[in-house]
PDB file of N, CA and C in Angstrom:
ATOM      1  N   MET A   1      71.009-108.722  -4.893  1.00  0.00           N
ATOM      2  CA  MET A   1      71.936-107.701  -4.487  1.00  0.00           C
ATOM      3  C   MET A   1      71.142-106.516  -3.950  1.00  0.00           C
ATOM      4  N   ASN A   2      71.491-106.065  -2.806  1.00  0.00           N
ATOM      5  CA  ASN A   2      70.819-104.940  -2.184  1.00  0.00           C
ATOM      6  C   ASN A   2      71.457-103.652  -2.685  1.00  0.00           C
ATOM      7  N   ASP A   3      70.667-102.856  -3.412  1.00  0.00           N
ATOM      8  CA  ASP A   3      71.177-101.623  -3.999  1.00  0.00           C
ATOM      9  C   ASP A   3      70.716-100.452  -3.146  1.00  0.00           C
ATOM     10  N   SER A   4      71.389-100.237  -2.040  1.00  0.00           N
ATOM     11  CA  SER A   4      70.970 -99.209  -1.099  1.00  0.00           C
ATOM     12  C   SER A   4      71.416 -97.814  -1.519  1.00  0.00           C
ATOM     13  N   HIS A   5      72.274 -97.736  -2.538  1.00  0.00           N
ATOM     14  CA  HIS A   5      72.785 -96.430  -2.951  1.00  0.00           C
ATOM     15  C   HIS A   5      72.009 -95.839  -4.116  1.00  0.00           C
ATOM     16  N   GLY A   6      70.970 -96.466  -4.574  1.00  0.00           N
ATOM     17  CA  GLY A   6      70.210 -95.913  -5.691  1.00  0.00           C
ATOM     18  C   GLY A   6      70.724 -96.465  -7.005  1.00  0.00           C
ATOM     19  N   ILE A   7      70.749 -95.668  -8.005  1.00  0.00           N
ATOM     20  CA  ILE A   7      71.077 -96.102  -9.357  1.00  0.00           C
ATOM     21  C   ILE A   7      72.532 -96.511  -9.458  1.00  0.00           C
ATOM     22  N   GLY A   8      72.765 -97.715  -9.967  1.00  0.00           N
ATOM     23  CA  GLY A   8      74.110 -98.182 -10.235  1.00  0.00           C
ATOM     24  C   GLY A   8      74.987 -98.354  -9.011  1.00  0.00           C
ATOM     25  N   GLY A   9      74.481 -98.176  -7.819  1.00  0.00           N
ATOM     26  CA  GLY A   9      75.268 -98.356  -6.619  1.00  0.00           C
ATOM     27  C   GLY A   9      76.195 -97.191  -6.315  1.00  0.00           C
ATOM     28  N   HIS A  10      76.103 -96.115  -7.049  1.00  0.00           N
ATOM     29  CA  HIS A  10      76.952 -94.947  -6.791  1.00  0.00           C
ATOM     30  C   HIS A  10      76.391 -94.205  -5.583  1.00  0.00           C
ATOM     31  N   PRO A  11      77.177 -93.984  -4.547  1.00  0.00           N
ATOM     32  CA  PRO A  11      76.649 -93.427  -3.302  1.00  0.00           C
ATOM     33  C   PRO A  11      76.135 -91.996  -3.420  1.00  0.00           C
ATOM     34  N   GLU A  12      76.590 -91.227  -4.392  1.00  0.00           N
ATOM     35  CA  GLU A  12      76.158 -89.840  -4.495  1.00  0.00           C
ATOM     36  C   GLU A  12      74.939 -89.654  -5.388  1.00  0.00           C
ATOM     37  N   TRP A  13      74.599 -90.656  -6.207  1.00  0.00           N
ATOM     38  CA  TRP A  13      73.607 -90.428  -7.241  1.00  0.00           C
ATOM     39  C   TRP A  13      72.187 -90.343  -6.702  1.00  0.00           C
ATOM     40  N   GLY A  14      71.749 -91.345  -5.977  1.00  0.00           N
ATOM     41  CA  GLY A  14      70.347 -91.373  -5.568  1.00  0.00           C
ATOM     42  C   GLY A  14      69.462 -91.606  -6.775  1.00  0.00           C
ATOM     43  N   GLN A  15      68.294 -91.023  -6.794  1.00  0.00           N
ATOM     44  CA  GLN A  15      67.375 -91.163  -7.916  1.00  0.00           C
ATOM     45  C   GLN A  15      67.628 -90.046  -8.930  1.00  0.00           C
ATOM     46  N   PRO A  16      67.568 -90.352 -10.246  1.00  0.00           N
ATOM     47  CA  PRO A  16      67.898 -89.345 -11.236  1.00  0.00           C
ATOM     48  C   PRO A  16      66.877 -88.215 -11.321  1.00  0.00           C
ATOM     49  N   HIS A  17      65.616 -88.472 -10.974  1.00  0.00           N
ATOM     50  CA  HIS A  17      64.599 -87.441 -11.081  1.00  0.00           C
ATOM     51  C   HIS A  17      64.317 -86.777  -9.748  1.00  0.00           C
ATOM     52  N   GLY A  18      65.052 -87.163  -8.739  1.00  0.00           N
ATOM     53  CA  GLY A  18      64.857 -86.551  -7.429  1.00  0.00           C
ATOM     54  C   GLY A  18      65.544 -85.198  -7.387  1.00  0.00           C
ATOM     55  N   GLY A  19      65.134 -84.371  -6.498  1.00  0.00           N
ATOM     56  CA  GLY A  19      65.735 -83.054  -6.395  1.00  0.00           C
ATOM     57  C   GLY A  19      66.876 -83.058  -5.411  1.00  0.00           C
ATOM     58  N   GLY A  20      67.405 -81.913  -5.161  1.00  0.00           N
ATOM     59  CA  GLY A  20      68.415 -81.757  -4.133  1.00  0.00           C
ATOM     60  C   GLY A  20      69.792 -82.169  -4.586  1.00  0.00           C
ATOM     61  N   ALA A  21      70.610 -82.520  -3.606  1.00  0.00           N
ATOM     62  CA  ALA A  21      72.025 -82.808  -3.848  1.00  0.00           C
ATOM     63  C   ALA A  21      72.222 -84.070  -4.677  1.00  0.00           C
ATOM     64  N   SER A  22      71.367 -85.101  -4.472  1.00  0.00           N
ATOM     65  CA  SER A  22      71.569 -86.343  -5.215  1.00  0.00           C
ATOM     66  C   SER A  22      71.273 -86.144  -6.697  1.00  0.00           C
ATOM     67  N   GLY A  23      70.256 -85.363  -7.024  1.00  0.00           N
ATOM     68  CA  GLY A  23      69.974 -85.074  -8.422  1.00  0.00           C
ATOM     69  C   GLY A  23      71.075 -84.256  -9.058  1.00  0.00           C
ATOM     70  N   GLU A  24      71.655 -83.329  -8.308  1.00  0.00           N
ATOM     71  CA  GLU A  24      72.753 -82.516  -8.811  1.00  0.00           C
ATOM     72  C   GLU A  24      73.984 -83.370  -9.063  1.00  0.00           C
ATOM     73  N   ALA A  25      74.278 -84.321  -8.187  1.00  0.00           N
ATOM     74  CA  ALA A  25      75.424 -85.217  -8.381  1.00  0.00           C
ATOM     75  C   ALA A  25      75.217 -86.093  -9.614  1.00  0.00           C
ATOM     76  N   TYR A  26      73.991 -86.545  -9.819  1.00  0.00           N
ATOM     77  CA  TYR A  26      73.679 -87.361 -10.997  1.00  0.00           C
ATOM     78  C   TYR A  26      73.910 -86.553 -12.273  1.00  0.00           C
ATOM     79  N   ARG A  27      73.417 -85.329 -12.311  1.00  0.00           N
ATOM     80  CA  ARG A  27      73.582 -84.482 -13.491  1.00  0.00           C
ATOM     81  C   ARG A  27      75.060 -84.148 -13.728  1.00  0.00           C
ATOM     82  N   ARG A  28      75.803 -83.915 -12.672  1.00  0.00           N
ATOM     83  CA  ARG A  28      77.229 -83.617 -12.802  1.00  0.00           C
ATOM     84  C   ARG A  28      77.983 -84.820 -13.377  1.00  0.00           C
ATOM     85  N   ASP A  29      77.683 -86.007 -12.870  1.00  0.00           N
ATOM     86  CA  ASP A  29      78.348 -87.204 -13.388  1.00  0.00           C
ATOM     87  C   ASP A  29      77.926 -87.492 -14.821  1.00  0.00           C
ATOM     88  N   LEU A  30      76.654 -87.291 -15.135  1.00  0.00           N
ATOM     89  CA  LEU A  30      76.185 -87.501 -16.501  1.00  0.00           C
ATOM     90  C   LEU A  30      76.885 -86.538 -17.452  1.00  0.00           C
ATOM     91  N   PHE A  31      77.025 -85.283 -17.056  1.00  0.00           N
ATOM     92  CA  PHE A  31      77.738 -84.301 -17.872  1.00  0.00           C
ATOM     93  C   PHE A  31      79.199 -84.703 -18.053  1.00  0.00           C
ATOM     94  N   THR A  32      79.822 -85.212 -16.994  1.00  0.00           N
ATOM     95  CA  THR A  32      81.220 -85.641 -17.086  1.00  0.00           C
ATOM     96  C   THR A  32      81.370 -86.788 -18.070  1.00  0.00           C
ATOM     97  N   TYR A  33      80.469 -87.778 -18.004  1.00  0.00           N
ATOM     98  CA  TYR A  33      80.539 -88.915 -18.922  1.00  0.00           C
ATOM     99  C   TYR A  33      80.284 -88.485 -20.363  1.00  0.00           C
ATOM    100  N   LEU A  34      79.297 -87.640 -20.582  1.00  0.00           N
ATOM    101  CA  LEU A  34      78.976 -87.216 -21.943  1.00  0.00           C
ATOM    102  C   LEU A  34      80.076 -86.326 -22.532  1.00  0.00           C
ATOM    103  N   SER A  35      80.617 -85.427 -21.727  1.00  0.00           N
ATOM    104  CA  SER A  35      81.717 -84.599 -22.234  1.00  0.00           C
ATOM    105  C   SER A  35      82.951 -85.463 -22.499  1.00  0.00           C
ATOM    106  N   GLY A  36      83.207 -86.465 -21.674  1.00  0.00           N
ATOM    107  CA  GLY A  36      84.316 -87.390 -21.922  1.00  0.00           C
ATOM    108  C   GLY A  36      84.119 -88.171 -23.207  1.00  0.00           C
ATOM    109  N   LEU A  37      82.878 -88.587 -23.476  1.00  0.00           N
ATOM    110  CA  LEU A  37      82.587 -89.313 -24.706  1.00  0.00           C
ATOM    111  C   LEU A  37      82.827 -88.433 -25.925  1.00  0.00           C
ATOM    112  N   VAL A  38      82.349 -87.198 -25.879  1.00  0.00           N
ATOM    113  CA  VAL A  38      82.541 -86.278 -27.003  1.00  0.00           C
ATOM    114  C   VAL A  38      84.027 -85.998 -27.211  1.00  0.00           C
ATOM    115  N   LEU A  39      84.745 -85.725 -26.138  1.00  0.00           N
ATOM    116  CA  LEU A  39      86.185 -85.473 -26.260  1.00  0.00           C
ATOM    117  C   LEU A  39      86.929 -86.692 -26.805  1.00  0.00           C
ATOM    118  N   ALA A  40      86.561 -87.890 -26.346  1.00  0.00           N
ATOM    119  CA  ALA A  40      87.216 -89.108 -26.826  1.00  0.00           C
ATOM    120  C   ALA A  40      86.964 -89.309 -28.315  1.00  0.00           C
ATOM    121  N   LEU A  41      85.745 -89.049 -28.773  1.00  0.00           N
ATOM    122  CA  LEU A  41      85.443 -89.187 -30.196  1.00  0.00           C
ATOM    123  C   LEU A  41      86.218 -88.170 -31.031  1.00  0.00           C
ATOM    124  N   ILE A  42      86.289 -86.936 -30.550  1.00  0.00           N
ATOM    125  CA  ILE A  42      87.044 -85.911 -31.277  1.00  0.00           C
ATOM    126  C   ILE A  42      88.529 -86.252 -31.316  1.00  0.00           C
ATOM    127  N   LEU A  43      89.070 -86.689 -30.157  1.00  0.00           N
ATOM    128  CA  LEU A  43      90.495 -87.010 -30.088  1.00  0.00           C
ATOM    129  C   LEU A  43      90.837 -88.287 -30.857  1.00  0.00           C
ATOM    130  N   THR A  44      89.847 -89.079 -31.226  1.00  0.00           N
ATOM    131  CA  THR A  44      90.063 -90.236 -32.090  1.00  0.00           C
ATOM    132  C   THR A  44      89.948 -89.836 -33.550  1.00  0.00           C
ATOM    133  N   ALA A  45      88.967 -88.997 -33.876  1.00  0.00           N
ATOM    134  CA  ALA A  45      88.711 -88.625 -35.267  1.00  0.00           C
ATOM    135  C   ALA A  45      89.813 -87.721 -35.834  1.00  0.00           C
ATOM    136  N   LEU A  46      90.353 -86.826 -35.023  1.00  0.00           N
ATOM    137  CA  LEU A  46      91.370 -85.897 -35.532  1.00  0.00           C
ATOM    138  C   LEU A  46      92.620 -86.607 -36.070  1.00  0.00           C
ATOM    139  N   PRO A  47      93.226 -87.549 -35.337  1.00  0.00           N
ATOM    140  CA  PRO A  47      94.387 -88.242 -35.917  1.00  0.00           C
ATOM    141  C   PRO A  47      94.046 -89.041 -37.170  1.00  0.00           C
ATOM    142  N   PHE A  48      92.843 -89.656 -37.188  1.00  0.00           N
ATOM    143  CA  PHE A  48      92.447 -90.382 -38.387  1.00  0.00           C
ATOM    144  C   PHE A  48      92.363 -89.425 -39.571  1.00  0.00           C
ATOM    145  N   GLY A  49      91.803 -88.236 -39.353  1.00  0.00           N
ATOM    146  CA  GLY A  49      91.714 -87.246 -40.417  1.00  0.00           C
ATOM    147  C   GLY A  49      93.081 -86.768 -40.873  1.00  0.00           C
ATOM    148  N   LEU A  50      93.990 -86.547 -39.926  1.00  0.00           N
ATOM    149  CA  LEU A  50      95.348 -86.120 -40.285  1.00  0.00           C
ATOM    150  C   LEU A  50      96.046 -87.161 -41.153  1.00  0.00           C
ATOM    151  N   VAL A  51      95.861 -88.429 -40.833  1.00  0.00           N
ATOM    152  CA  VAL A  51      96.480 -89.496 -41.623  1.00  0.00           C
ATOM    153  C   VAL A  51      95.799 -89.605 -42.987  1.00  0.00           C
ATOM    154  N   TYR A  52      94.484 -89.551 -43.004  1.00  0.00           N
ATOM    155  CA  TYR A  52      93.731 -89.736 -44.254  1.00  0.00           C
ATOM    156  C   TYR A  52      94.052 -88.647 -45.267  1.00  0.00           C
ATOM    157  N   TRP A  53      94.148 -87.384 -44.820  1.00  0.00           N
ATOM    158  CA  TRP A  53      94.381 -86.278 -45.732  1.00  0.00           C
ATOM    159  C   TRP A  53      95.858 -85.896 -45.858  1.00  0.00           C
ATOM    160  N   HIS A  54      96.756 -86.703 -45.306  1.00  0.00           N
ATOM    161  CA  HIS A  54      98.199 -86.451 -45.394  1.00  0.00           C
ATOM    162  C   HIS A  54      98.516 -84.996 -45.039  1.00  0.00           C
ATOM    163  N   ALA A  55      98.042 -84.567 -43.893  1.00  0.00           N
ATOM    164  CA  ALA A  55      98.134 -83.165 -43.487  1.00  0.00           C
ATOM    165  C   ALA A  55      99.523 -82.769 -42.989  1.00  0.00           C
ATOM    166  N   MET A  56     100.365 -83.741 -42.675  1.00  0.00           N
ATOM    167  CA  MET A  56     101.678 -83.435 -42.105  1.00  0.00           C
ATOM    168  C   MET A  56     102.708 -84.391 -42.677  1.00  0.00           C
ATOM    169  N   SER A  57     103.967 -84.088 -42.377  1.00  0.00           N
ATOM    170  CA  SER A  57     105.024 -85.037 -42.725  1.00  0.00           C
ATOM    171  C   SER A  57     104.907 -86.256 -41.804  1.00  0.00           C
ATOM    172  N   THR A  58     105.605 -87.307 -42.149  1.00  0.00           N
ATOM    173  CA  THR A  58     105.488 -88.555 -41.390  1.00  0.00           C
ATOM    174  C   THR A  58     105.921 -88.382 -39.948  1.00  0.00           C
ATOM    175  N   PHE A  59     107.045 -87.730 -39.716  1.00  0.00           N
ATOM    176  CA  PHE A  59     107.525 -87.549 -38.348  1.00  0.00           C
ATOM    177  C   PHE A  59     106.560 -86.681 -37.537  1.00  0.00           C
ATOM    178  N   SER A  60     106.088 -85.594 -38.121  1.00  0.00           N
ATOM    179  CA  SER A  60     105.124 -84.734 -37.425  1.00  0.00           C
ATOM    180  C   SER A  60     103.834 -85.471 -37.137  1.00  0.00           C
ATOM    181  N   LEU A  61     103.456 -86.349 -38.052  1.00  0.00           N
ATOM    182  CA  LEU A  61     102.243 -87.135 -37.860  1.00  0.00           C
ATOM    183  C   LEU A  61     102.383 -88.079 -36.670  1.00  0.00           C
ATOM    184  N   TRP A  62     103.540 -88.708 -36.532  1.00  0.00           N
ATOM    185  CA  TRP A  62     103.783 -89.590 -35.381  1.00  0.00           C
ATOM    186  C   TRP A  62     103.717 -88.800 -34.068  1.00  0.00           C
ATOM    187  N   ILE A  63     104.297 -87.614 -34.076  1.00  0.00           N
ATOM    188  CA  ILE A  63     104.269 -86.765 -32.877  1.00  0.00           C
ATOM    189  C   ILE A  63     102.825 -86.369 -32.556  1.00  0.00           C
ATOM    190  N   ALA A  64     102.071 -85.982 -33.566  1.00  0.00           N
ATOM    191  CA  ALA A  64     100.677 -85.576 -33.350  1.00  0.00           C
ATOM    192  C   ALA A  64      99.833 -86.731 -32.839  1.00  0.00           C
ATOM    193  N   ILE A  65     100.012 -87.919 -33.394  1.00  0.00           N
ATOM    194  CA  ILE A  65      99.248 -89.091 -32.940  1.00  0.00           C
ATOM    195  C   ILE A  65      99.587 -89.401 -31.481  1.00  0.00           C
ATOM    196  N   GLY A  66     100.871 -89.340 -31.133  1.00  0.00           N
ATOM    197  CA  GLY A  66     101.272 -89.573 -29.739  1.00  0.00           C
ATOM    198  C   GLY A  66     100.694 -88.538 -28.798  1.00  0.00           C
ATOM    199  N   LEU A  67     100.674 -87.285 -29.235  1.00  0.00           N
ATOM    200  CA  LEU A  67     100.110 -86.213 -28.410  1.00  0.00           C
ATOM    201  C   LEU A  67      98.606 -86.403 -28.207  1.00  0.00           C
ATOM    202  N   PHE A  68      97.894 -86.716 -29.291  1.00  0.00           N
ATOM    203  CA  PHE A  68      96.458 -86.969 -29.163  1.00  0.00           C
ATOM    204  C   PHE A  68      96.181 -88.187 -28.281  1.00  0.00           C
ATOM    205  N   ALA A  69      97.018 -89.220 -28.369  1.00  0.00           N
ATOM    206  CA  ALA A  69      96.840 -90.407 -27.533  1.00  0.00           C
ATOM    207  C   ALA A  69      97.042 -90.073 -26.053  1.00  0.00           C
ATOM    208  N   PHE A  70      98.055 -89.259 -25.766  1.00  0.00           N
ATOM    209  CA  PHE A  70      98.310 -88.865 -24.379  1.00  0.00           C
ATOM    210  C   PHE A  70      97.143 -88.043 -23.829  1.00  0.00           C
ATOM    211  N   ILE A  71      96.658 -87.085 -24.622  1.00  0.00           N
ATOM    212  CA  ILE A  71      95.530 -86.264 -24.180  1.00  0.00           C
ATOM    213  C   ILE A  71      94.294 -87.129 -23.972  1.00  0.00           C
ATOM    214  N   GLN A  72      94.087 -88.086 -24.872  1.00  0.00           N
ATOM    215  CA  GLN A  72      92.927 -88.966 -24.720  1.00  0.00           C
ATOM    216  C   GLN A  72      93.041 -89.838 -23.470  1.00  0.00           C
ATOM    217  N   ALA A  73      94.243 -90.272 -23.139  1.00  0.00           N
ATOM    218  CA  ALA A  73      94.432 -91.042 -21.908  1.00  0.00           C
ATOM    219  C   ALA A  73      94.075 -90.197 -20.688  1.00  0.00           C
ATOM    220  N   MET A  74      94.473 -88.931 -20.710  1.00  0.00           N
ATOM    221  CA  MET A  74      94.116 -88.026 -19.601  1.00  0.00           C
ATOM    222  C   MET A  74      92.607 -87.810 -19.517  1.00  0.00           C
ATOM    223  N   VAL A  75      91.939 -87.707 -20.663  1.00  0.00           N
ATOM    224  CA  VAL A  75      90.478 -87.570 -20.675  1.00  0.00           C
ATOM    225  C   VAL A  75      89.831 -88.816 -20.080  1.00  0.00           C
ATOM    226  N   HIS A  76      90.328 -89.987 -20.441  1.00  0.00           N
ATOM    227  CA  HIS A  76      89.780 -91.232 -19.897  1.00  0.00           C
ATOM    228  C   HIS A  76      89.991 -91.316 -18.388  1.00  0.00           C
ATOM    229  N   PHE A  77      91.189 -90.960 -17.936  1.00  0.00           N
ATOM    230  CA  PHE A  77      91.440 -90.988 -16.494  1.00  0.00           C
ATOM    231  C   PHE A  77      90.507 -90.050 -15.755  1.00  0.00           C
ATOM    232  N   ARG A  78      90.318 -88.855 -16.281  1.00  0.00           N
ATOM    233  CA  ARG A  78      89.523 -87.844 -15.576  1.00  0.00           C
ATOM    234  C   ARG A  78      88.024 -88.095 -15.686  1.00  0.00           C
ATOM    235  N   CYS A  79      87.536 -88.366 -16.899  1.00  0.00           N
ATOM    236  CA  CYS A  79      86.088 -88.431 -17.120  1.00  0.00           C
ATOM    237  C   CYS A  79      85.488 -89.794 -16.825  1.00  0.00           C
ATOM    238  N   PHE A  80      86.193 -90.874 -17.115  1.00  0.00           N
ATOM    239  CA  PHE A  80      85.615 -92.202 -16.967  1.00  0.00           C
ATOM    240  C   PHE A  80      86.102 -92.928 -15.721  1.00  0.00           C
ATOM    241  N   LEU A  81      87.372 -92.788 -15.400  1.00  0.00           N
ATOM    242  CA  LEU A  81      87.922 -93.476 -14.235  1.00  0.00           C
ATOM    243  C   LEU A  81      87.897 -92.609 -12.983  1.00  0.00           C
ATOM    244  N   HIS A  82      87.577 -91.336 -13.133  1.00  0.00           N
ATOM    245  CA  HIS A  82      87.477 -90.373 -12.024  1.00  0.00           C
ATOM    246  C   HIS A  82      88.765 -90.307 -11.207  1.00  0.00           C
ATOM    247  N   VAL A  83      89.896 -90.323 -11.904  1.00  0.00           N
ATOM    248  CA  VAL A  83      91.195 -90.173 -11.258  1.00  0.00           C
ATOM    249  C   VAL A  83      91.607 -88.714 -11.422  1.00  0.00           C
ATOM    250  N   ASN A  84      91.674 -88.017 -10.322  1.00  0.00           N
ATOM    251  CA  ASN A  84      92.056 -86.606 -10.326  1.00  0.00           C
ATOM    252  C   ASN A  84      93.245 -86.470  -9.378  1.00  0.00           C
ATOM    253  N   PRO A  85      94.484 -86.538  -9.916  1.00  0.00           N
ATOM    254  CA  PRO A  85      95.663 -86.642  -9.053  1.00  0.00           C
ATOM    255  C   PRO A  85      95.775 -85.617  -7.924  1.00  0.00           C
ATOM    256  N   PRO A  86      95.475 -84.336  -8.114  1.00  0.00           N
ATOM    257  CA  PRO A  86      95.637 -83.437  -6.967  1.00  0.00           C
ATOM    258  C   PRO A  86      94.688 -83.750  -5.807  1.00  0.00           C
ATOM    259  N   GLN A  87      93.563 -84.389  -6.088  1.00  0.00           N
ATOM    260  CA  GLN A  87      92.589 -84.658  -5.044  1.00  0.00           C
ATOM    261  C   GLN A  87      92.584 -86.118  -4.598  1.00  0.00           C
ATOM    262  N   GLU A  88      93.218 -86.992  -5.360  1.00  0.00           N
ATOM    263  CA  GLU A  88      93.145 -88.421  -5.078  1.00  0.00           C
ATOM    264  C   GLU A  88      94.148 -88.853  -4.012  1.00  0.00           C
ATOM    265  N   ASN A  89      93.900 -90.034  -3.532  1.00  0.00           N
ATOM    266  CA  ASN A  89      94.795 -90.688  -2.603  1.00  0.00           C
ATOM    267  C   ASN A  89      96.090 -91.060  -3.336  1.00  0.00           C
ATOM    268  N   VAL A  90      97.211 -90.944  -2.687  1.00  0.00           N
ATOM    269  CA  VAL A  90      98.498 -91.234  -3.307  1.00  0.00           C
ATOM    270  C   VAL A  90      98.579 -92.711  -3.707  1.00  0.00           C
ATOM    271  N   ASP A  91      97.953 -93.593  -2.943  1.00  0.00           N
ATOM    272  CA  ASP A  91      97.975 -95.013  -3.283  1.00  0.00           C
ATOM    273  C   ASP A  91      97.304 -95.269  -4.631  1.00  0.00           C
ATOM    274  N   GLU A  92      96.215 -94.585  -4.915  1.00  0.00           N
ATOM    275  CA  GLU A  92      95.540 -94.762  -6.202  1.00  0.00           C
ATOM    276  C   GLU A  92      96.403 -94.241  -7.342  1.00  0.00           C
ATOM    277  N   LEU A  93      97.114 -93.173  -7.124  1.00  0.00           N
ATOM    278  CA  LEU A  93      98.007 -92.641  -8.150  1.00  0.00           C
ATOM    279  C   LEU A  93      99.144 -93.620  -8.427  1.00  0.00           C
ATOM    280  N   TRP A  94      99.706 -94.222  -7.391  1.00  0.00           N
ATOM    281  CA  TRP A  94     100.752 -95.228  -7.579  1.00  0.00           C
ATOM    282  C   TRP A  94     100.212 -96.433  -8.341  1.00  0.00           C
ATOM    283  N   LEU A  95      98.969 -96.821  -8.068  1.00  0.00           N
ATOM    284  CA  LEU A  95      98.354 -97.938  -8.780  1.00  0.00           C
ATOM    285  C   LEU A  95      98.234 -97.621 -10.268  1.00  0.00           C
ATOM    286  N   VAL A  96      97.815 -96.414 -10.597  1.00  0.00           N
ATOM    287  CA  VAL A  96      97.696 -96.007 -12.000  1.00  0.00           C
ATOM    288  C   VAL A  96      99.069 -95.986 -12.657  1.00  0.00           C
ATOM    289  N   LEU A  97     100.067 -95.429 -11.994  1.00  0.00           N
ATOM    290  CA  LEU A  97     101.416 -95.377 -12.565  1.00  0.00           C
ATOM    291  C   LEU A  97     102.006 -96.771 -12.762  1.00  0.00           C
ATOM    292  N   PHE A  98     101.758 -97.683 -11.822  1.00  0.00           N
ATOM    293  CA  PHE A  98     102.238 -99.054 -11.964  1.00  0.00           C
ATOM    294  C   PHE A  98     101.552 -99.741 -13.143  1.00  0.00           C
ATOM    295  N   THR A  99     100.254 -99.489 -13.308  1.00  0.00           N
ATOM    296  CA  THR A  99      99.524-100.055 -14.435  1.00  0.00           C
ATOM    297  C   THR A  99     100.086 -99.540 -15.752  1.00  0.00           C
ATOM    298  N   VAL A 100     100.392 -98.249 -15.820  1.00  0.00           N
ATOM    299  CA  VAL A 100     100.988 -97.677 -17.027  1.00  0.00           C
ATOM    300  C   VAL A 100     102.350 -98.315 -17.294  1.00  0.00           C
ATOM    301  N   LEU A 101     103.141 -98.517 -16.259  1.00  0.00           N
ATOM    302  CA  LEU A 101     104.443 -99.159 -16.421  1.00  0.00           C
ATOM    303  C   LEU A 101     104.301-100.563 -17.001  1.00  0.00           C
ATOM    304  N   ILE A 102     103.376-101.344 -16.471  1.00  0.00           N
ATOM    305  CA  ILE A 102     103.164-102.706 -16.963  1.00  0.00           C
ATOM    306  C   ILE A 102     102.702-102.686 -18.420  1.00  0.00           C
ATOM    307  N   LEU A 103     101.790-101.763 -18.761  1.00  0.00           N
ATOM    308  CA  LEU A 103     101.314-101.678 -20.142  1.00  0.00           C
ATOM    309  C   LEU A 103     102.425-101.265 -21.097  1.00  0.00           C
ATOM    310  N   VAL A 104     103.278-100.334 -20.687  1.00  0.00           N
ATOM    311  CA  VAL A 104     104.402 -99.915 -21.532  1.00  0.00           C
ATOM    312  C   VAL A 104     105.373-101.075 -21.716  1.00  0.00           C
ATOM    313  N   MET A 105     105.631-101.831 -20.659  1.00  0.00           N
ATOM    314  CA  MET A 105     106.525-102.989 -20.774  1.00  0.00           C
ATOM    315  C   MET A 105     105.939-104.042 -21.710  1.00  0.00           C
ATOM    316  N   MET A 106     104.636-104.288 -21.615  1.00  0.00           N
ATOM    317  CA  MET A 106     104.009-105.285 -22.489  1.00  0.00           C
ATOM    318  C   MET A 106     104.038-104.827 -23.947  1.00  0.00           C
ATOM    319  N   ALA A 107     103.672-103.577 -24.196  1.00  0.00           N
ATOM    320  CA  ALA A 107     103.658-103.072 -25.570  1.00  0.00           C
ATOM    321  C   ALA A 107     105.075-103.003 -26.129  1.00  0.00           C
ATOM    322  N   GLY A 108     106.022-102.508 -25.336  1.00  0.00           N
ATOM    323  CA  GLY A 108     107.410-102.437 -25.787  1.00  0.00           C
ATOM    324  C   GLY A 108     107.999-103.812 -26.060  1.00  0.00           C
ATOM    325  N   GLY A 109     107.714-104.757 -25.197  1.00  0.00           N
ATOM    326  CA  GLY A 109     108.197-106.119 -25.408  1.00  0.00           C
ATOM    327  C   GLY A 109     107.611-106.746 -26.657  1.00  0.00           C
ATOM    328  N   THR A 110     106.342-106.477 -26.900  1.00  0.00           N
ATOM    329  CA  THR A 110     105.703-107.012 -28.103  1.00  0.00           C
ATOM    330  C   THR A 110     106.343-106.432 -29.356  1.00  0.00           C
ATOM    331  N   VAL A 111     106.559-105.113 -29.362  1.00  0.00           N
ATOM    332  CA  VAL A 111     107.183-104.481 -30.525  1.00  0.00           C
ATOM    333  C   VAL A 111     108.613-104.999 -30.701  1.00  0.00           C
ATOM    334  N   TRP A 112     109.335-105.175 -29.619  1.00  0.00           N
ATOM    335  CA  TRP A 112     110.698-105.683 -29.681  1.00  0.00           C
ATOM    336  C   TRP A 112     110.719-107.093 -30.298  1.00  0.00           C
ATOM    337  N   ILE A 113     109.849-107.962 -29.802  1.00  0.00           N
ATOM    338  CA  ILE A 113     109.811-109.343 -30.300  1.00  0.00           C
ATOM    339  C   ILE A 113     109.407-109.380 -31.772  1.00  0.00           C
ATOM    340  N   LEU A 114     108.387-108.605 -32.132  1.00  0.00           N
ATOM    341  CA  LEU A 114     107.961-108.597 -33.531  1.00  0.00           C
ATOM    342  C   LEU A 114     109.036-108.017 -34.442  1.00  0.00           C
ATOM    343  N   GLY A 115     109.743-106.988 -33.973  1.00  0.00           N
ATOM    344  CA  GLY A 115     110.854-106.443 -34.771  1.00  0.00           C
ATOM    345  C   GLY A 115     111.975-107.454 -34.945  1.00  0.00           C
ATOM    346  N   ASN A 116     112.273-108.191 -33.886  1.00  0.00           N
ATOM    347  CA  ASN A 116     113.309-109.230 -33.956  1.00  0.00           C
ATOM    348  C   ASN A 116     112.890-110.315 -34.931  1.00  0.00           C
ATOM    349  N   LEU A 117     111.647-110.746 -34.867  1.00  0.00           N
ATOM    350  CA  LEU A 117     111.173-111.778 -35.797  1.00  0.00           C
ATOM    351  C   LEU A 117     111.183-111.266 -37.226  1.00  0.00           C
ATOM    352  N   HIS A 118     110.829-110.026 -37.415  1.00  0.00           N
ATOM    353  CA  HIS A 118     110.845-109.470 -38.772  1.00  0.00           C
ATOM    354  C   HIS A 118     112.250-109.417 -39.326  1.00  0.00           C
ATOM    355  N   SER A 119     113.222-109.042 -38.496  1.00  0.00           N
ATOM    356  CA  SER A 119     114.603-108.972 -38.979  1.00  0.00           C
ATOM    357  C   SER A 119     115.159-110.366 -39.297  1.00  0.00           C
ATOM    358  N   ARG A 120     114.706-111.383 -38.637  1.00  0.00           N
ATOM    359  CA  ARG A 120     115.183-112.749 -38.896  1.00  0.00           C
ATOM    360  C   ARG A 120     114.584-113.338 -40.163  1.00  0.00           C
ATOM    361  N   MET A 121     113.423-112.804 -40.583  1.00  0.00           N
ATOM    362  CA  MET A 121     112.775-113.363 -41.772  1.00  0.00           C
ATOM    363  C   MET A 121     113.449-112.904 -43.050  1.00  0.00           C
ATOM    364  N   TYR A 122     114.170-111.785 -43.032  1.00  0.00           N
ATOM    365  CA  TYR A 122     114.746-111.241 -44.272  1.00  0.00           C
ATOM    366  C   TYR A 122     116.235-111.178 -44.206  1.00  0.00           C
TER     367      TYR A 122
END
């Protein structure tokens, strides 16, 4: 495979120790990935802590977990998938929304089927 774009085939990166614009792009992307990793770990640990220490009522806990999950999805889109809706192509945004629709249908269908099976067992 001919890797004409430098490290990992990313066209903006170039060499990591080189100077100029390519080194700056590498550092910017590295910072984005590392900050996304830290945010993802924090947004995972906080709901686990809330559940472990019974910090809220059950309903509030469900709301908090959903909120943290939504924020974490936005962090993943921005930091790892590099989807930035105001700057992105509309076709890519439609692709992301269609993917979310399919995932919601799959998860909802699974919960529906499992709930139906559970109700039939008792």
